[in-house]
Amino acid sequence: MRVVANYAVGFNNIDLAAATRRGVLVTNTPGVLTEATADLAWSLILAVARHVSRAEALVRGGRWTGWAPLQFLGLDVHGATLAVVGAGRIGSAVALRGTGFRMRLLYVARRGNPELDRIGARRVDLDTALREADFLSLHVPLNGETHHMIGRSELDLMKPTACLINTSRGPVIDEAALVEALRSRRIAGAGLDVYENEPALTPGLVELDNVVCLPHLGSATGATRSRMAVMAASNILAALNGREPPNLVNREVLER
């Protein structure tokens, strides 16, 4: 084996240390899926806030009897506080979309993000984001620091009217703790595109009516997946022809 071309941005599904020890190049497909994934995160924000899944199921099931003043009352998105945890490409794109909804923007990152600073977003620590966010959207890689970064204690800090959105990696959330928080209404809702033990789901999750569950659709548009395929192929061709792949993850292999 000479190269592994991951058809995704995240590469936690690859034993990077083992590949590096063996001189195997590892590549990924960053950048091209940013906008599609940010769109999907916003689909979850709106779906959770306005009970889209439950409301559509009512209509499709032939159980809708007409307009009612208190039917499926949701949460306002416009003017609410959006906090993105992780201000890389996707997190920044999600925050930028919040300006169209006149949202108050917060972001959690190791360093300042000039693009977000220019639009008035405020950099805060995670606890502040948890306490102040109406919608908390996760955009961090999965590693030792981020595994279960959202657990019982973090969920307890959130507002009872807040919603948690995850389009990053499932194990970033302690899913059992999330099920408990959703069931007891300690938070208002969640929108998930990824899961801790994907494709298996934590027992009790799908029975809840305040969570929207999608099957890992973040980059799933025809144009985006095509660009990802071309990028993955380009990485392979470069490696097999003795060139540095354009999206090399373990550059240490070249330095050996």
C-alpha atoms as a PDB file:
ATOM      1  CA  MET A   1       0.000   0.000   0.000  1.00  0.00           C
ATOM      2  CA  ARG A   2       1.335   3.417  -0.974  1.00  0.00           C
ATOM      3  CA  VAL A   3      -1.562   5.821  -0.466  1.00  0.00           C
ATOM      4  CA  VAL A   4      -4.931   6.065   1.280  1.00  0.00           C
ATOM      5  CA  ALA A   5      -7.257   8.637  -0.272  1.00  0.00           C
ATOM      6  CA  ASN A   6     -10.061   9.417   2.162  1.00  0.00           C
ATOM      7  CA  TYR A   7     -13.276  10.506   0.463  1.00  0.00           C
ATOM      8  CA  ALA A   8     -14.030  13.032   3.234  1.00  0.00           C
ATOM      9  CA  VAL A   9     -12.440  15.842   5.232  1.00  0.00           C
ATOM     10  CA  GLY A  10     -12.207  14.002   8.537  1.00  0.00           C
ATOM     11  CA  PHE A  11      -9.726  11.142   8.742  1.00  0.00           C
ATOM     12  CA  ASN A  12     -10.398   9.714  12.201  1.00  0.00           C
ATOM     13  CA  ASN A  13     -11.393   6.487  10.404  1.00  0.00           C
ATOM     14  CA  ILE A  14      -7.725   5.955   9.477  1.00  0.00           C
ATOM     15  CA  ASP A  15      -4.952   4.883  11.846  1.00  0.00           C
ATOM     16  CA  LEU A  16      -2.754   7.811  10.902  1.00  0.00           C
ATOM     17  CA  ALA A  17       0.156   6.847  13.147  1.00  0.00           C
ATOM     18  CA  ALA A  18       0.277   3.312  11.722  1.00  0.00           C
ATOM     19  CA  ALA A  19       0.128   4.617   8.151  1.00  0.00           C
ATOM     20  CA  THR A  20       2.928   7.094   8.854  1.00  0.00           C
ATOM     21  CA  ARG A  21       5.141   4.427  10.416  1.00  0.00           C
ATOM     22  CA  ARG A  22       4.756   2.350   7.273  1.00  0.00           C
ATOM     23  CA  GLY A  23       5.376   5.234   4.891  1.00  0.00           C
ATOM     24  CA  VAL A  24       1.801   5.232   3.555  1.00  0.00           C
ATOM     25  CA  LEU A  25       0.547   8.612   2.366  1.00  0.00           C
ATOM     26  CA  VAL A  26      -2.869   9.640   3.709  1.00  0.00           C
ATOM     27  CA  THR A  27      -4.960  12.280   1.940  1.00  0.00           C
ATOM     28  CA  ASN A  28      -8.393  13.825   2.342  1.00  0.00           C
ATOM     29  CA  THR A  29     -10.791  16.133   0.478  1.00  0.00           C
ATOM     30  CA  PRO A  30     -10.999  19.484   2.316  1.00  0.00           C
ATOM     31  CA  GLY A  31     -12.631  22.671   1.114  1.00  0.00           C
ATOM     32  CA  VAL A  32     -14.918  21.346  -1.593  1.00  0.00           C
ATOM     33  CA  LEU A  33     -17.637  20.229   0.822  1.00  0.00           C
ATOM     34  CA  THR A  34     -17.702  23.354   2.997  1.00  0.00           C
ATOM     35  CA  GLU A  35     -20.744  25.060   1.539  1.00  0.00           C
ATOM     36  CA  ALA A  36     -22.859  21.916   1.174  1.00  0.00           C
ATOM     37  CA  THR A  37     -22.193  20.905   4.770  1.00  0.00           C
ATOM     38  CA  ALA A  38     -22.937  24.412   6.033  1.00  0.00           C
ATOM     39  CA  ASP A  39     -26.233  24.328   4.140  1.00  0.00           C
ATOM     40  CA  LEU A  40     -27.063  20.998   5.763  1.00  0.00           C
ATOM     41  CA  ALA A  41     -26.286  22.377   9.228  1.00  0.00           C
ATOM     42  CA  TRP A  42     -28.740  25.156   8.539  1.00  0.00           C
ATOM     43  CA  SER A  43     -31.324  22.640   7.354  1.00  0.00           C
ATOM     44  CA  LEU A  44     -31.059  21.045  10.785  1.00  0.00           C
ATOM     45  CA  ILE A  45     -31.270  24.378  12.607  1.00  0.00           C
ATOM     46  CA  LEU A  46     -34.506  25.269  10.831  1.00  0.00           C
ATOM     47  CA  ALA A  47     -35.973  21.770  11.016  1.00  0.00           C
ATOM     48  CA  VAL A  48     -35.413  21.527  14.771  1.00  0.00           C
ATOM     49  CA  ALA A  49     -36.582  25.059  15.492  1.00  0.00           C
ATOM     50  CA  ARG A  50     -39.841  24.691  13.535  1.00  0.00           C
ATOM     51  CA  HIS A  51     -40.696  21.009  14.151  1.00  0.00           C
ATOM     52  CA  VAL A  52     -40.475  20.303  10.423  1.00  0.00           C
ATOM     53  CA  SER A  53     -40.185  16.506  10.687  1.00  0.00           C
ATOM     54  CA  ARG A  54     -43.095  16.098  13.088  1.00  0.00           C
ATOM     55  CA  ALA A  55     -45.302  18.519  11.189  1.00  0.00           C
ATOM     56  CA  GLU A  56     -44.683  16.838   7.833  1.00  0.00           C
ATOM     57  CA  ALA A  57     -45.350  13.407   9.345  1.00  0.00           C
ATOM     58  CA  LEU A  58     -48.717  14.682  10.579  1.00  0.00           C
ATOM     59  CA  VAL A  59     -49.697  15.825   7.096  1.00  0.00           C
ATOM     60  CA  ARG A  60     -48.351  12.720   5.325  1.00  0.00           C
ATOM     61  CA  GLY A  61     -50.109  10.481   7.834  1.00  0.00           C
ATOM     62  CA  GLY A  62     -53.491  12.033   7.059  1.00  0.00           C
ATOM     63  CA  ARG A  63     -53.897  13.220  10.644  1.00  0.00           C
ATOM     64  CA  TRP A  64     -53.900  16.984  10.026  1.00  0.00           C
ATOM     65  CA  THR A  65     -57.310  18.479  10.746  1.00  0.00           C
ATOM     66  CA  GLY A  66     -56.511  22.084   9.891  1.00  0.00           C
ATOM     67  CA  TRP A  67     -54.813  25.208  11.205  1.00  0.00           C
ATOM     68  CA  ALA A  68     -54.689  25.703  14.960  1.00  0.00           C
ATOM     69  CA  PRO A  69     -53.231  28.643  16.886  1.00  0.00           C
ATOM     70  CA  LEU A  70     -51.003  26.544  19.163  1.00  0.00           C
ATOM     71  CA  GLN A  71     -50.033  23.835  16.693  1.00  0.00           C
ATOM     72  CA  PHE A  72     -46.296  23.009  16.584  1.00  0.00           C
ATOM     73  CA  LEU A  73     -45.158  26.250  18.143  1.00  0.00           C
ATOM     74  CA  GLY A  74     -41.444  26.509  17.460  1.00  0.00           C
ATOM     75  CA  LEU A  75     -38.483  28.706  18.210  1.00  0.00           C
ATOM     76  CA  ASP A  76     -37.537  31.958  16.499  1.00  0.00           C
ATOM     77  CA  VAL A  77     -34.317  31.704  14.517  1.00  0.00           C
ATOM     78  CA  HIS A  78     -34.094  35.320  13.430  1.00  0.00           C
ATOM     79  CA  GLY A  79     -32.474  37.445  16.126  1.00  0.00           C
ATOM     80  CA  ALA A  80     -31.443  34.405  18.176  1.00  0.00           C
ATOM     81  CA  THR A  81     -27.905  33.640  19.358  1.00  0.00           C
ATOM     82  CA  LEU A  82     -25.931  31.184  17.215  1.00  0.00           C
ATOM     83  CA  ALA A  83     -22.686  29.758  18.595  1.00  0.00           C
ATOM     84  CA  VAL A  84     -20.356  27.707  16.416  1.00  0.00           C
ATOM     85  CA  VAL A  85     -17.836  25.488  18.159  1.00  0.00           C
ATOM     86  CA  GLY A  86     -14.911  25.283  15.782  1.00  0.00           C
ATOM     87  CA  ALA A  87     -14.335  28.220  13.447  1.00  0.00           C
ATOM     88  CA  GLY A  88     -12.683  26.483  10.526  1.00  0.00           C
ATOM     89  CA  ARG A  89     -14.082  26.463   6.996  1.00  0.00           C
ATOM     90  CA  ILE A  90     -17.452  24.877   7.786  1.00  0.00           C
ATOM     91  CA  GLY A  91     -18.018  26.560  11.139  1.00  0.00           C
ATOM     92  CA  SER A  92     -17.256  29.943   9.580  1.00  0.00           C
ATOM     93  CA  ALA A  93     -19.630  29.271   6.688  1.00  0.00           C
ATOM     94  CA  VAL A  94     -22.415  28.366   9.126  1.00  0.00           C
ATOM     95  CA  ALA A  95     -21.812  31.550  11.142  1.00  0.00           C
ATOM     96  CA  LEU A  96     -21.766  33.720   8.018  1.00  0.00           C
ATOM     97  CA  ARG A  97     -25.178  32.405   7.039  1.00  0.00           C
ATOM     98  CA  GLY A  98     -26.454  33.567  10.419  1.00  0.00           C
ATOM     99  CA  THR A  99     -26.064  37.193   9.363  1.00  0.00           C
ATOM    100  CA  GLY A 100     -28.999  36.714   6.996  1.00  0.00           C
ATOM    101  CA  PHE A 101     -31.139  35.897  10.030  1.00  0.00           C
ATOM    102  CA  ARG A 102     -29.791  38.902  11.963  1.00  0.00           C
ATOM    103  CA  MET A 103     -28.415  36.562  14.613  1.00  0.00           C
ATOM    104  CA  ARG A 104     -26.056  37.356  17.448  1.00  0.00           C
ATOM    105  CA  LEU A 105     -22.958  35.326  16.626  1.00  0.00           C
ATOM    106  CA  LEU A 106     -20.495  33.633  18.967  1.00  0.00           C
ATOM    107  CA  TYR A 107     -17.633  31.327  18.108  1.00  0.00           C
ATOM    108  CA  VAL A 108     -15.337  29.011  20.043  1.00  0.00           C
ATOM    109  CA  ALA A 109     -11.847  28.590  18.607  1.00  0.00           C
ATOM    110  CA  ARG A 110      -8.226  28.369  19.695  1.00  0.00           C
ATOM    111  CA  ARG A 111      -7.437  31.603  17.896  1.00  0.00           C
ATOM    112  CA  GLY A 112      -9.345  34.564  16.550  1.00  0.00           C
ATOM    113  CA  ASN A 113     -11.049  34.389  13.168  1.00  0.00           C
ATOM    114  CA  PRO A 114     -10.723  37.738  11.327  1.00  0.00           C
ATOM    115  CA  GLU A 115     -13.530  36.868   8.898  1.00  0.00           C
ATOM    116  CA  LEU A 116     -15.970  36.298  11.741  1.00  0.00           C
ATOM    117  CA  ASP A 117     -14.655  39.253  13.732  1.00  0.00           C
ATOM    118  CA  ARG A 118     -15.443  41.527  10.774  1.00  0.00           C
ATOM    119  CA  ILE A 119     -19.120  40.577  10.863  1.00  0.00           C
ATOM    120  CA  GLY A 120     -19.365  41.223  14.604  1.00  0.00           C
ATOM    121  CA  ALA A 121     -19.051  37.661  15.887  1.00  0.00           C
ATOM    122  CA  ARG A 122     -17.570  37.382  19.372  1.00  0.00           C
ATOM    123  CA  ARG A 123     -14.971  34.791  20.332  1.00  0.00           C
ATOM    124  CA  VAL A 124     -15.863  33.122  23.639  1.00  0.00           C
ATOM    125  CA  ASP A 125     -14.929  30.049  25.648  1.00  0.00           C
ATOM    126  CA  LEU A 126     -17.024  26.891  25.458  1.00  0.00           C
ATOM    127  CA  ASP A 127     -18.838  27.453  28.752  1.00  0.00           C
ATOM    128  CA  THR A 128     -19.970  30.913  27.643  1.00  0.00           C
ATOM    129  CA  ALA A 129     -21.178  29.527  24.325  1.00  0.00           C
ATOM    130  CA  LEU A 130     -23.103  26.790  26.104  1.00  0.00           C
ATOM    131  CA  ARG A 131     -24.786  29.248  28.462  1.00  0.00           C
ATOM    132  CA  GLU A 132     -25.689  31.893  25.877  1.00  0.00           C
ATOM    133  CA  ALA A 133     -26.472  29.993  22.672  1.00  0.00           C
ATOM    134  CA  ASP A 134     -29.978  29.431  21.397  1.00  0.00           C
ATOM    135  CA  PHE A 135     -28.451  27.231  18.699  1.00  0.00           C
ATOM    136  CA  LEU A 136     -25.091  25.557  19.311  1.00  0.00           C
ATOM    137  CA  SER A 137     -23.524  24.070  16.172  1.00  0.00           C
ATOM    138  CA  LEU A 138     -20.502  21.739  16.386  1.00  0.00           C
ATOM    139  CA  HIS A 139     -17.708  21.876  13.775  1.00  0.00           C
ATOM    140  CA  VAL A 140     -14.648  20.287  15.358  1.00  0.00           C
ATOM    141  CA  PRO A 141     -12.488  17.331  14.279  1.00  0.00           C
ATOM    142  CA  LEU A 142     -12.611  14.172  16.349  1.00  0.00           C
ATOM    143  CA  ASN A 143      -9.534  13.668  18.489  1.00  0.00           C
ATOM    144  CA  GLY A 144      -8.581  13.018  22.099  1.00  0.00           C
ATOM    145  CA  GLU A 145      -9.547  16.540  23.131  1.00  0.00           C
ATOM    146  CA  THR A 146     -12.928  16.625  21.422  1.00  0.00           C
ATOM    147  CA  HIS A 147     -14.191  13.120  22.213  1.00  0.00           C
ATOM    148  CA  HIS A 148     -17.327  13.619  24.353  1.00  0.00           C
ATOM    149  CA  MET A 149     -16.643  17.341  24.572  1.00  0.00           C
ATOM    150  CA  ILE A 150     -20.414  17.703  24.953  1.00  0.00           C
ATOM    151  CA  GLY A 151     -21.507  15.536  27.866  1.00  0.00           C
ATOM    152  CA  ARG A 152     -23.850  15.723  30.817  1.00  0.00           C
ATOM    153  CA  SER A 153     -22.176  18.722  32.479  1.00  0.00           C
ATOM    154  CA  GLU A 154     -22.031  20.697  29.226  1.00  0.00           C
ATOM    155  CA  LEU A 155     -25.666  19.958  28.408  1.00  0.00           C
ATOM    156  CA  ASP A 156     -26.626  21.130  31.897  1.00  0.00           C
ATOM    157  CA  LEU A 157     -25.140  24.538  31.093  1.00  0.00           C
ATOM    158  CA  MET A 158     -27.387  25.034  28.060  1.00  0.00           C
ATOM    159  CA  LYS A 159     -30.666  26.913  28.132  1.00  0.00           C
ATOM    160  CA  PRO A 160     -33.807  24.770  28.320  1.00  0.00           C
ATOM    161  CA  THR A 161     -34.859  26.525  25.103  1.00  0.00           C
ATOM    162  CA  ALA A 162     -31.572  25.791  23.285  1.00  0.00           C
ATOM    163  CA  CYS A 163     -30.906  23.363  20.435  1.00  0.00           C
ATOM    164  CA  LEU A 164     -27.743  21.386  19.699  1.00  0.00           C
ATOM    165  CA  ILE A 165     -26.658  20.755  16.096  1.00  0.00           C
ATOM    166  CA  ASN A 166     -23.949  18.273  15.077  1.00  0.00           C
ATOM    167  CA  THR A 167     -22.608  17.845  11.554  1.00  0.00           C
ATOM    168  CA  SER A 168     -19.005  17.160  12.601  1.00  0.00           C
ATOM    169  CA  ARG A 169     -18.316  13.722  14.133  1.00  0.00           C
ATOM    170  CA  GLY A 170     -20.669  11.670  16.270  1.00  0.00           C
ATOM    171  CA  PRO A 171     -18.375  10.874  19.231  1.00  0.00           C
ATOM    172  CA  VAL A 172     -17.955  14.588  19.918  1.00  0.00           C
ATOM    173  CA  ILE A 173     -21.233  14.170  21.839  1.00  0.00           C
ATOM    174  CA  ASP A 174     -21.896  11.714  24.643  1.00  0.00           C
ATOM    175  CA  GLU A 175     -25.022  10.382  22.972  1.00  0.00           C
ATOM    176  CA  ALA A 176     -26.418   8.685  26.081  1.00  0.00           C
ATOM    177  CA  ALA A 177     -26.204  11.998  27.944  1.00  0.00           C
ATOM    178  CA  LEU A 178     -27.889  13.747  25.014  1.00  0.00           C
ATOM    179  CA  VAL A 179     -30.773  11.260  24.998  1.00  0.00           C
ATOM    180  CA  GLU A 180     -31.274  11.901  28.703  1.00  0.00           C
ATOM    181  CA  ALA A 181     -31.186  15.686  28.225  1.00  0.00           C
ATOM    182  CA  LEU A 182     -33.677  15.560  25.353  1.00  0.00           C
ATOM    183  CA  ARG A 183     -35.999  13.155  27.159  1.00  0.00           C
ATOM    184  CA  SER A 184     -36.091  15.312  30.293  1.00  0.00           C
ATOM    185  CA  ARG A 185     -36.371  18.512  28.199  1.00  0.00           C
ATOM    186  CA  ARG A 186     -33.238  19.970  29.763  1.00  0.00           C
ATOM    187  CA  ILE A 187     -32.627  21.265  26.235  1.00  0.00           C
ATOM    188  CA  ALA A 188     -35.279  21.962  23.632  1.00  0.00           C
ATOM    189  CA  GLY A 189     -33.984  19.897  20.754  1.00  0.00           C
ATOM    190  CA  ALA A 190     -31.157  18.515  18.660  1.00  0.00           C
ATOM    191  CA  GLY A 191     -30.359  18.064  14.992  1.00  0.00           C
ATOM    192  CA  LEU A 192     -27.928  15.267  14.185  1.00  0.00           C
ATOM    193  CA  ASP A 193     -26.287  14.185  10.955  1.00  0.00           C
ATOM    194  CA  VAL A 194     -23.626  12.021  12.632  1.00  0.00           C
ATOM    195  CA  TYR A 195     -23.696   9.537  15.498  1.00  0.00           C
ATOM    196  CA  GLU A 196     -21.426   8.164  18.180  1.00  0.00           C
ATOM    197  CA  ASN A 197     -21.523   4.555  16.931  1.00  0.00           C
ATOM    198  CA  GLU A 198     -22.646   5.215  13.379  1.00  0.00           C
ATOM    199  CA  PRO A 199     -24.718   3.719  11.838  1.00  0.00           C
ATOM    200  CA  ALA A 200     -26.004   2.299  15.148  1.00  0.00           C
ATOM    201  CA  LEU A 201     -27.996   4.733  17.265  1.00  0.00           C
ATOM    202  CA  THR A 202     -28.083   5.035  21.017  1.00  0.00           C
ATOM    203  CA  PRO A 203     -31.257   3.385  22.379  1.00  0.00           C
ATOM    204  CA  GLY A 204     -34.065   5.857  22.832  1.00  0.00           C
ATOM    205  CA  LEU A 205     -32.792   8.455  20.387  1.00  0.00           C
ATOM    206  CA  VAL A 206     -35.184   7.910  17.486  1.00  0.00           C
ATOM    207  CA  GLU A 207     -38.194   7.628  19.801  1.00  0.00           C
ATOM    208  CA  LEU A 208     -37.750  11.247  20.879  1.00  0.00           C
ATOM    209  CA  ASP A 209     -39.900  13.874  19.162  1.00  0.00           C
ATOM    210  CA  ASN A 210     -37.458  16.747  19.763  1.00  0.00           C
ATOM    211  CA  VAL A 211     -34.565  15.453  17.658  1.00  0.00           C
ATOM    212  CA  VAL A 212     -34.091  15.432  13.886  1.00  0.00           C
ATOM    213  CA  CYS A 213     -31.921  12.519  12.700  1.00  0.00           C
ATOM    214  CA  LEU A 214     -30.331  12.487   9.240  1.00  0.00           C
ATOM    215  CA  PRO A 215     -28.158   9.723   7.679  1.00  0.00           C
ATOM    216  CA  HIS A 216     -24.813  11.580   7.375  1.00  0.00           C
ATOM    217  CA  LEU A 217     -25.850  13.805   4.471  1.00  0.00           C
ATOM    218  CA  GLY A 218     -23.508  16.749   5.104  1.00  0.00           C
ATOM    219  CA  SER A 219     -21.764  16.753   1.722  1.00  0.00           C
ATOM    220  CA  ALA A 220     -24.495  14.914  -0.167  1.00  0.00           C
ATOM    221  CA  THR A 221     -25.073  17.020  -3.244  1.00  0.00           C
ATOM    222  CA  GLY A 222     -24.242  15.753  -6.706  1.00  0.00           C
ATOM    223  CA  ALA A 223     -21.825  18.568  -7.483  1.00  0.00           C
ATOM    224  CA  THR A 224     -20.034  18.334  -4.141  1.00  0.00           C
ATOM    225  CA  ARG A 225     -19.603  14.560  -4.175  1.00  0.00           C
ATOM    226  CA  SER A 226     -18.283  14.788  -7.751  1.00  0.00           C
ATOM    227  CA  ARG A 227     -15.670  17.350  -6.703  1.00  0.00           C
ATOM    228  CA  MET A 228     -14.703  15.134  -3.772  1.00  0.00           C
ATOM    229  CA  ALA A 229     -14.249  12.159  -6.102  1.00  0.00           C
ATOM    230  CA  VAL A 230     -12.030  14.144  -8.467  1.00  0.00           C
ATOM    231  CA  MET A 231      -9.965  15.421  -5.545  1.00  0.00           C
ATOM    232  CA  ALA A 232      -9.525  11.908  -4.118  1.00  0.00           C
ATOM    233  CA  ALA A 233      -8.461  10.611  -7.542  1.00  0.00           C
ATOM    234  CA  SER A 234      -6.029  13.502  -7.980  1.00  0.00           C
ATOM    235  CA  ASN A 235      -4.451  12.686  -4.627  1.00  0.00           C
ATOM    236  CA  ILE A 236      -3.989   9.053  -5.674  1.00  0.00           C
ATOM    237  CA  LEU A 237      -2.513   9.918  -9.086  1.00  0.00           C
ATOM    238  CA  ALA A 238      -0.054  12.363  -7.568  1.00  0.00           C
ATOM    239  CA  ALA A 239       1.122   9.797  -5.019  1.00  0.00           C
ATOM    240  CA  LEU A 240       1.523   6.997  -7.561  1.00  0.00           C
ATOM    241  CA  ASN A 241       3.477   9.301  -9.869  1.00  0.00           C
ATOM    242  CA  GLY A 242       5.951  10.298  -7.179  1.00  0.00           C
ATOM    243  CA  ARG A 243       4.527  13.762  -6.561  1.00  0.00           C
ATOM    244  CA  GLU A 244       3.292  15.229  -3.318  1.00  0.00           C
ATOM    245  CA  PRO A 245      -0.506  14.836  -3.159  1.00  0.00           C
ATOM    246  CA  PRO A 246      -2.264  18.199  -2.990  1.00  0.00           C
ATOM    247  CA  ASN A 247      -4.155  17.223   0.185  1.00  0.00           C
ATOM    248  CA  LEU A 248      -1.593  15.267   2.156  1.00  0.00           C
ATOM    249  CA  VAL A 249      -2.468  14.758   5.824  1.00  0.00           C
ATOM    250  CA  ASN A 250       0.708  13.082   7.136  1.00  0.00           C
ATOM    251  CA  ARG A 251       3.466  15.229   5.710  1.00  0.00           C
ATOM    252  CA  GLU A 252       5.909  13.497   8.070  1.00  0.00           C
ATOM    253  CA  VAL A 253       6.115  10.643   5.554  1.00  0.00           C
ATOM    254  CA  LEU A 254       7.894  12.945   3.092  1.00  0.00           C
ATOM    255  CA  GLU A 255      10.346  14.098   5.726  1.00  0.00           C
ATOM    256  CA  ARG A 256      11.563  10.603   6.553  1.00  0.00           C
END
